[in-house]
Amino acid sequence: MTEFLQNYGLIVLFAVVALQAMGVGGFPGKTVLVTAAILAARGHFSIVSVIAVGLVALVLGGYAGYWIGRTGGRRLVDRFLPRRLERLVVRAESFFEEQGPRAVFVARFLPGLKVVAAPVAGIAKMPWRSFAFWHTLASIVFTLGFGIGAYLAGEAAIELVEQYGFYAAIPIALAIAAWFAFKRWRRGDGVAGAHS
């Protein structure tokens, strides 16, 4: 994946993340985002570009998946989704019934469900505005959390994501919070030093 990103740039990031968000299984969107952020830390990309491309891909891919589910229904989704994801669709439908609109947000961080969340929201005829709000919010939190976390944590971020999935967000979020707190402390210390 690192080699693909180095050779083809952020087009790979956009394509993989968008396809996964659309509901196409087998694309490691989170791993590609984390890898691109690590490459940004090494100077291959701008971290702002990585975050922007990842966010746009995630949002647009989810919107496309929603409308595929909404207009084509289960028949179209079943035709394009691999058979192994059929159980996930059923699981996602019951998850949506239990959780309501916020399921779109929660599903973005759950293995498997994040792949089928957008098409299932469309199949369930979730109101567009509700879907767009929760999906966009989840996309922002997901992209910033894993993108900036990987940029700061480096190679360790990939191991965390691969081994712990959703739970990897906890130490990554703590790392981001600590980084911002440190920056703020230094800025305050510098201001205090200037006045003394």
Protein backbone atom coordinates (compact mmCIF):
# COMPACT_ATOMS: atom_id res chain seq x y z
CA MET A 1 0.00 0.00 0.00
CA THR A 2 2.85 2.36 0.81
CA GLU A 3 4.35 1.72 -2.62
CA PHE A 4 1.01 2.38 -4.36
CA LEU A 5 0.63 5.68 -2.52
CA GLN A 6 4.17 6.72 -3.34
CA ASN A 7 3.77 5.83 -7.01
CA TYR A 8 0.26 7.12 -7.67
CA GLY A 9 -0.17 9.75 -4.98
CA LEU A 10 -3.38 10.75 -3.31
CA ILE A 11 -5.50 9.39 -6.18
CA VAL A 12 -5.11 5.99 -4.51
CA LEU A 13 -6.26 7.45 -1.18
CA PHE A 14 -9.32 9.01 -2.79
CA ALA A 15 -10.29 5.91 -4.77
CA VAL A 16 -9.89 3.39 -1.92
CA VAL A 17 -11.65 5.51 0.72
CA ALA A 18 -14.51 6.49 -1.63
CA LEU A 19 -15.13 2.91 -2.80
CA GLN A 20 -15.19 1.57 0.75
CA ALA A 21 -17.56 4.34 1.89
CA MET A 22 -19.77 3.59 -1.12
CA GLY A 23 -20.21 0.03 0.10
CA VAL A 24 -17.66 -1.88 -1.96
CA GLY A 25 -15.97 -4.46 0.28
CA GLY A 26 -12.31 -5.37 0.28
CA PHE A 27 -10.88 -1.85 0.29
CA PRO A 28 -8.81 -0.91 3.38
CA GLY A 29 -9.86 2.74 3.64
CA LYS A 30 -8.64 3.30 7.19
CA THR A 31 -5.26 1.68 6.57
CA VAL A 32 -4.72 3.75 3.41
CA LEU A 33 -5.60 6.96 5.27
CA VAL A 34 -3.20 6.09 8.10
CA THR A 35 -0.43 5.15 5.64
CA ALA A 36 -0.87 8.40 3.68
CA ALA A 37 -0.69 10.41 6.92
CA ILE A 38 2.55 8.64 7.90
CA LEU A 39 3.98 9.40 4.45
CA ALA A 40 2.96 13.03 5.02
CA ALA A 41 4.97 13.00 8.25
CA ARG A 42 7.95 11.83 6.17
CA GLY A 43 7.51 14.69 3.73
CA HIS A 44 5.90 12.80 0.82
CA PHE A 45 2.59 14.68 1.06
CA SER A 46 1.09 17.63 2.86
CA ILE A 47 -0.96 16.46 5.86
CA VAL A 48 -3.57 19.09 4.92
CA SER A 49 -3.88 17.47 1.47
CA VAL A 50 -4.19 13.99 3.01
CA ILE A 51 -6.94 15.13 5.39
CA ALA A 52 -8.77 17.07 2.66
CA VAL A 53 -8.63 14.25 0.08
CA GLY A 54 -9.59 11.61 2.66
CA LEU A 55 -12.50 13.68 3.94
CA VAL A 56 -13.90 14.52 0.48
CA ALA A 57 -13.57 10.86 -0.59
CA LEU A 58 -15.31 9.61 2.54
CA VAL A 59 -18.17 12.10 2.31
CA LEU A 60 -18.79 11.69 -1.44
CA GLY A 61 -18.40 7.91 -1.32
CA GLY A 62 -20.97 7.70 1.46
CA TYR A 63 -23.39 9.96 -0.41
CA ALA A 64 -23.05 7.77 -3.51
CA GLY A 65 -23.62 4.61 -1.45
CA TYR A 66 -26.72 6.12 0.13
CA TRP A 67 -28.26 6.96 -3.26
CA ILE A 68 -27.37 3.54 -4.67
CA GLY A 69 -29.28 1.98 -1.78
CA ARG A 70 -32.11 4.49 -1.96
CA THR A 71 -32.74 4.31 -5.70
CA GLY A 72 -31.77 0.72 -6.44
CA GLY A 73 -32.82 -0.84 -3.20
CA ARG A 74 -31.63 -4.14 -1.84
CA ARG A 75 -31.62 -5.82 -5.26
CA LEU A 76 -29.00 -3.44 -6.67
CA VAL A 77 -26.90 -3.47 -3.50
CA ASP A 78 -26.98 -7.28 -3.35
CA ARG A 79 -25.85 -7.43 -6.96
CA PHE A 80 -22.79 -5.26 -6.40
CA LEU A 81 -21.87 -6.28 -2.87
CA PRO A 82 -19.87 -9.51 -2.43
CA ARG A 83 -21.91 -12.38 -0.97
CA ARG A 84 -19.87 -12.37 2.22
CA LEU A 85 -21.24 -8.89 2.98
CA GLU A 86 -24.88 -9.97 2.82
CA ARG A 87 -24.88 -10.88 6.52
CA LEU A 88 -23.44 -7.46 7.29
CA VAL A 89 -26.32 -5.80 5.44
CA VAL A 90 -28.84 -7.70 7.59
CA ARG A 91 -26.84 -6.86 10.72
CA ALA A 92 -26.65 -3.21 9.71
CA GLU A 93 -30.41 -3.03 9.11
CA SER A 94 -31.17 -4.27 12.63
CA PHE A 95 -28.49 -1.94 14.01
CA PHE A 96 -30.17 0.99 12.25
CA GLU A 97 -33.56 0.02 13.67
CA GLU A 98 -32.14 -0.02 17.20
CA GLN A 99 -29.95 3.08 17.03
CA GLY A 100 -31.84 5.36 14.62
CA PRO A 101 -30.04 8.11 12.67
CA ARG A 102 -26.99 8.16 14.97
CA ALA A 103 -26.25 4.62 13.74
CA VAL A 104 -24.68 6.26 10.68
CA PHE A 105 -22.16 7.98 12.94
CA VAL A 106 -21.44 4.95 15.12
CA ALA A 107 -21.16 2.56 12.15
CA ARG A 108 -18.27 4.59 10.68
CA PHE A 109 -16.09 3.30 13.54
CA LEU A 110 -17.25 -0.33 13.58
CA PRO A 111 -15.55 -3.05 11.52
CA GLY A 112 -17.73 -4.33 8.71
CA LEU A 113 -20.70 -2.06 9.37
CA LYS A 114 -18.83 0.98 8.08
CA VAL A 115 -18.70 -0.64 4.63
CA VAL A 116 -22.46 -1.18 4.29
CA ALA A 117 -23.76 1.72 6.43
CA ALA A 118 -24.40 4.16 3.59
CA PRO A 119 -26.22 1.76 1.23
CA VAL A 120 -28.29 0.37 4.11
CA ALA A 121 -29.27 3.90 5.17
CA GLY A 122 -30.53 4.40 1.62
CA ILE A 123 -32.38 1.07 1.59
CA ALA A 124 -34.00 2.00 4.92
CA LYS A 125 -35.14 5.30 3.32
CA MET A 126 -33.46 7.34 6.04
CA PRO A 127 -34.24 11.04 5.43
CA TRP A 128 -31.48 12.57 3.30
CA ARG A 129 -30.78 15.50 5.64
CA SER A 130 -30.43 13.23 8.64
CA PHE A 131 -28.10 10.87 6.78
CA ALA A 132 -26.02 13.74 5.35
CA PHE A 133 -25.59 15.33 8.80
CA TRP A 134 -24.54 12.17 10.66
CA HIS A 135 -22.41 10.82 7.83
CA THR A 136 -20.57 14.12 7.33
CA LEU A 137 -19.99 14.51 11.07
CA ALA A 138 -18.65 10.96 11.31
CA SER A 139 -16.42 11.54 8.27
CA ILE A 140 -14.89 14.66 9.83
CA VAL A 141 -14.20 12.97 13.19
CA PHE A 142 -12.88 9.81 11.51
CA THR A 143 -10.56 11.59 9.06
CA LEU A 144 -9.19 14.10 11.54
CA GLY A 145 -8.79 11.50 14.30
CA PHE A 146 -6.99 8.83 12.31
CA GLY A 147 -5.23 11.22 9.90
CA ILE A 148 -3.73 13.54 12.50
CA GLY A 149 -3.20 10.68 14.94
CA ALA A 150 -1.17 8.73 12.39
CA TYR A 151 0.73 11.86 11.39
CA LEU A 152 1.81 12.32 15.00
CA ALA A 153 2.17 8.66 16.05
CA GLY A 154 3.94 7.34 12.93
CA GLU A 155 4.35 3.61 12.26
CA ALA A 156 2.82 2.68 15.62
CA ALA A 157 -0.52 3.99 14.34
CA ILE A 158 -0.72 1.30 11.64
CA GLU A 159 -0.15 -1.47 14.19
CA LEU A 160 -2.82 0.02 16.47
CA VAL A 161 -5.34 0.28 13.63
CA GLU A 162 -4.67 -3.24 12.35
CA GLN A 163 -4.82 -4.88 15.78
CA TYR A 164 -7.47 -2.87 17.60
CA GLY A 165 -9.59 -1.16 14.94
CA PHE A 166 -12.12 1.15 16.65
CA TYR A 167 -10.28 1.01 19.99
CA ALA A 168 -7.20 2.43 18.27
CA ALA A 169 -9.03 5.74 18.16
CA ILE A 170 -8.71 6.10 21.94
CA PRO A 171 -4.89 6.40 22.20
CA ILE A 172 -4.84 8.34 18.92
CA ALA A 173 -7.38 10.83 20.30
CA LEU A 174 -5.35 11.12 23.51
CA ALA A 175 -2.19 11.75 21.47
CA ILE A 176 -3.93 14.54 19.54
CA ALA A 177 -5.28 16.10 22.75
CA ALA A 178 -1.83 15.94 24.38
CA TRP A 179 -0.22 17.51 21.31
CA PHE A 180 -2.69 20.43 21.27
CA ALA A 181 -2.33 20.88 25.04
CA PHE A 182 1.46 20.96 24.68
CA LYS A 183 1.27 23.52 21.85
CA ARG A 184 -1.05 25.68 23.90
CA TRP A 185 1.17 25.38 26.96
CA ARG A 186 4.25 26.38 24.91
CA ARG A 187 2.38 29.33 23.42
CA GLY A 188 1.30 30.43 26.90
CA ASP A 189 4.80 29.88 28.27
CA GLY A 190 6.25 31.93 25.45
CA VAL A 191 3.79 34.77 26.09
CA ALA A 192 4.56 34.66 29.81
CA GLY A 193 8.28 34.70 29.06
CA ALA A 194 7.88 37.69 26.76
CA HIS A 195 6.13 39.69 29.48
CA SER A 196 8.64 38.81 32.21
